[in-house]
């Protein structure tokens, strides 16, 4: 697959979003990612962004993230896995409507 360059226009009013928790939902024609910010020591999270993509884009995202993590680790060292609390930081929901 040949790559091509595209020009990306980022509006000056677009604010960055920080997320430390994500929920993933999918159905036959899309994956939806709900990016959340969970407050420390509080059983509450605030939705920060919702992004829906096609299944083929989701598969491409997995590949890009895998390569990016490998590149990061070759530059900065292995990312140590955090101890997982009782509640996981990723929730998968299927068959939503």
Protein backbone atom coordinates (compact mmCIF):
# COMPACT_ATOMS: atom_id res chain seq x y z
CA UNK A 1 0.00 0.00 0.00
CA UNK A 2 1.53 3.31 -1.07
CA UNK A 3 1.36 6.13 1.42
CA UNK A 4 0.45 9.62 0.40
CA UNK A 5 0.90 12.92 2.16
CA UNK A 6 -2.14 14.97 3.04
CA UNK A 7 -2.41 18.41 4.53
CA UNK A 8 -4.09 18.44 7.93
CA UNK A 9 -5.84 21.59 9.08
CA UNK A 10 -6.23 21.81 12.87
CA UNK A 11 -8.60 24.61 13.87
CA UNK A 12 -7.12 26.92 16.52
CA UNK A 13 -10.24 26.39 18.65
CA UNK A 14 -9.68 22.61 18.88
CA UNK A 15 -8.70 21.82 22.47
CA UNK A 16 -6.51 18.84 23.40
CA UNK A 17 -8.23 16.09 25.38
CA UNK A 18 -6.69 13.98 28.16
CA UNK A 19 -8.15 10.53 28.73
CA UNK A 20 -7.07 7.88 31.23
CA UNK A 21 -9.92 5.45 30.58
CA UNK A 22 -11.68 4.19 27.48
CA UNK A 23 -14.80 2.24 26.65
CA UNK A 24 -14.98 0.43 23.33
CA UNK A 25 -18.24 -0.59 21.69
CA UNK A 26 -18.75 -2.22 18.31
CA UNK A 27 -21.38 -3.44 15.96
CA UNK A 28 -21.21 -4.86 12.44
CA UNK A 29 -20.34 -1.56 10.72
CA UNK A 30 -18.43 0.52 13.29
CA UNK A 31 -16.26 0.71 16.38
CA UNK A 32 -17.02 3.49 18.85
CA UNK A 33 -14.47 4.73 21.38
CA UNK A 34 -15.66 6.69 24.40
CA UNK A 35 -12.67 8.51 25.89
CA UNK A 36 -13.12 9.25 29.59
CA UNK A 37 -11.24 11.05 32.34
CA UNK A 38 -11.58 9.19 35.61
CA UNK A 39 -10.89 11.31 38.67
CA UNK A 40 -8.46 9.79 41.20
CA UNK A 41 -10.04 8.28 44.32
CA UNK A 42 -13.53 8.95 42.94
CA UNK A 43 -15.86 6.41 41.39
CA UNK A 44 -16.76 8.83 38.60
CA UNK A 45 -15.57 9.54 35.07
CA UNK A 46 -16.33 12.37 32.68
CA UNK A 47 -16.75 11.72 28.95
CA UNK A 48 -14.22 13.78 26.98
CA UNK A 49 -14.71 12.55 23.38
CA UNK A 50 -16.58 9.97 21.33
CA UNK A 51 -14.99 8.69 18.11
CA UNK A 52 -16.58 6.19 15.71
CA UNK A 53 -14.60 4.49 12.93
CA UNK A 54 -15.12 1.68 10.43
CA UNK A 55 -13.90 -1.85 11.22
CA UNK A 56 -11.10 -1.54 8.63
CA UNK A 57 -9.96 1.74 10.22
CA UNK A 58 -10.03 0.02 13.63
CA UNK A 59 -7.73 -2.69 12.30
CA UNK A 60 -5.41 -0.02 10.86
CA UNK A 61 -5.47 1.74 14.24
CA UNK A 62 -4.30 -1.45 15.95
CA UNK A 63 -1.38 -1.70 13.51
CA UNK A 64 -0.41 1.96 13.90
CA UNK A 65 -0.59 1.75 17.70
CA UNK A 66 1.52 -1.44 17.73
CA UNK A 67 4.19 0.21 15.59
CA UNK A 68 4.08 3.43 17.62
CA UNK A 69 4.47 1.56 20.92
CA UNK A 70 7.37 -0.46 19.49
CA UNK A 71 9.04 2.75 18.28
CA UNK A 72 8.45 4.41 21.66
CA UNK A 73 9.93 1.44 23.54
CA UNK A 74 12.99 1.33 21.29
CA UNK A 75 13.60 5.00 22.08
CA UNK A 76 12.59 5.22 25.77
CA UNK A 77 12.64 1.61 27.02
CA UNK A 78 9.99 -0.97 27.76
CA UNK A 79 6.69 0.30 29.10
CA UNK A 80 6.16 -1.48 32.39
CA UNK A 81 2.60 -2.75 32.77
CA UNK A 82 0.73 -1.12 35.64
CA UNK A 83 -0.79 -3.30 38.30
CA UNK A 84 -4.42 -3.65 37.30
CA UNK A 85 -6.93 -2.57 39.93
CA UNK A 86 -10.10 -4.57 40.40
CA UNK A 87 -11.69 -2.47 37.65
CA UNK A 88 -10.05 -2.57 34.22
CA UNK A 89 -9.44 0.70 32.36
CA UNK A 90 -10.92 -0.75 29.15
CA UNK A 91 -14.52 -1.86 28.88
CA UNK A 92 -15.79 -3.58 25.75
CA UNK A 93 -19.46 -3.33 24.91
CA UNK A 94 -20.87 -5.32 22.03
CA UNK A 95 -24.15 -5.22 20.21
CA UNK A 96 -25.11 -1.74 21.26
CA UNK A 97 -27.79 0.10 19.31
